[in-house]
Structure formats: C-alpha cells, structure tokens
Protein backbone atom coordinates (compact mmCIF):
# COMPACT_ATOMS: atom_id res chain seq x y z
CA MET A 1 49.05 -21.46 -59.00
CA MET A 2 45.66 -21.15 -57.35
CA ASP A 3 46.38 -24.81 -56.46
CA GLY A 4 49.79 -24.87 -55.08
CA MET A 5 47.83 -21.96 -52.37
CA MET A 6 45.36 -24.07 -51.84
CA GLY A 7 47.31 -26.74 -51.02
CA GLY A 8 49.79 -24.86 -48.84
CA ILE A 9 47.15 -23.16 -47.21
CA MET A 10 45.04 -26.58 -46.26
CA SER A 11 48.29 -28.87 -45.76
CA GLY A 12 47.78 -31.25 -42.79
CA ASN A 13 49.62 -28.83 -40.70
CA SER A 14 47.60 -25.67 -40.84
CA MET A 15 44.45 -27.60 -40.18
CA MET A 16 45.90 -29.59 -37.30
CA GLY A 17 47.00 -25.51 -35.83
CA MET A 18 43.40 -24.41 -36.68
CA CYS A 19 41.96 -27.63 -34.86
CA LEU A 20 43.86 -27.35 -31.99
CA MET A 21 42.90 -23.38 -32.20
CA MET A 22 39.66 -24.18 -31.62
CA GLY A 23 39.68 -26.63 -29.13
CA ILE A 24 41.70 -24.17 -26.82
CA GLY A 25 39.42 -21.36 -27.77
CA LEU A 26 36.30 -23.98 -26.55
CA PHE A 27 38.24 -25.09 -23.85
CA LEU A 28 38.67 -21.45 -21.94
CA LEU A 29 34.77 -20.39 -23.34
CA ILE A 30 33.83 -24.01 -21.16
CA ILE A 31 36.39 -22.02 -18.52
CA LEU A 32 34.79 -18.96 -18.65
CA ILE A 33 31.20 -19.66 -18.25
CA GLY A 34 31.74 -22.23 -15.78
CA VAL A 35 33.62 -19.44 -13.21
CA THR A 36 30.78 -17.68 -14.45
CA ILE A 37 28.76 -19.48 -12.50
CA TYR A 38 30.47 -20.34 -9.96
CA MET A 39 30.24 -16.41 -9.58
CA VAL A 40 26.60 -16.16 -9.73
CA VAL A 41 25.86 -19.11 -7.38
CA ARG A 42 28.59 -17.80 -5.08
CA GLN A 43 26.94 -14.95 -4.34
CA LEU A 44 23.67 -15.77 -3.89
CA MET A 45 24.42 -17.65 -1.46
CA LYS A 46 26.07 -15.12 0.18
CA LYS A 47 23.30 -12.94 0.08
CA SER A 48 20.53 -15.30 1.16
CA SER A 49 22.52 -16.17 3.96
CA VAL A 50 22.73 -12.24 4.85
CA THR A 51 18.77 -12.18 4.24
CA ASP A 52 18.41 -15.51 6.64
CA ARG A 53 20.15 -14.33 9.77
CA PRO A 54 17.65 -11.91 11.58
CA LEU A 55 15.32 -15.26 10.65
CA LEU A 56 17.41 -18.18 12.30
CA LEU A 57 18.39 -15.87 15.23
CA LEU A 58 14.60 -14.70 15.76
CA LYS A 59 13.75 -18.81 15.80
CA GLU A 60 16.42 -19.62 18.30
CA ARG A 61 15.19 -16.75 20.73
CA TYR A 62 11.20 -18.64 20.44
CA VAL A 63 12.72 -21.67 20.67
CA LYS A 64 14.63 -20.55 24.06
CA GLY A 65 11.48 -19.46 25.32
CA GLU A 66 13.66 -15.41 25.33
CA ILE A 67 9.70 -14.99 23.51
CA ASN A 68 6.84 -16.36 23.18
CA GLU A 69 4.77 -17.20 20.07
CA GLU A 70 2.76 -14.05 19.42
CA GLU A 71 5.60 -12.12 20.03
CA TYR A 72 7.60 -14.48 16.96
CA GLN A 73 5.34 -14.61 14.70
CA LEU A 74 4.77 -10.53 14.83
CA LYS A 75 8.52 -10.33 14.90
CA ARG A 76 8.67 -12.88 12.06
CA LYS A 77 6.19 -11.24 10.12
CA VAL A 78 7.78 -7.67 10.01
CA LEU A 79 10.87 -9.65 9.02
CA ASN A 80 9.49 -11.15 5.79
CA GLU A 81 8.39 -8.36 4.59
CA LYS A 82 11.76 -6.18 4.36
C-alpha cells in the first residue's frame, strides 16, 4: 500500500509540477530583489542630487564671478556642515 502511494506522489507529473513551482518562486524572488535594489539606488540618487544642488549653485556663482574665493570657501564650508 505504501509503495502505491509513494509512486503516485513521486510520479513524473508531480515532480515536474514541483520543479515548475520552485522555478516560478525563484524567478519571483529574483524580481523582488531586483526591484528592491532599483528602488534603493533610485532613492539614494534622488537624495544626493537634492543635497548637491546648493553646492552646485554656489560653484556656479563663483565661476560667474558673482562671489569671490573667500566668500565661496566660507559658504562651501557652511554647506558641508549641514
């Protein structure tokens, strides 16, 4: 009786179904990890561009000659402390 049950459970169709389900699960896990990495990198990029904006504007003003080097260095130091 046990041989009959084990033979039915471990038949070719059941094994193929289990492998297919494991493959789908692995695929979904890889997709989930990829999406998570994408979202984290995207947030980090967005955050760094927001914090760099004041420094870029300050550098632009210095290059245009609107502020001198002393004023540039002082303001850059203040911005880097924040």
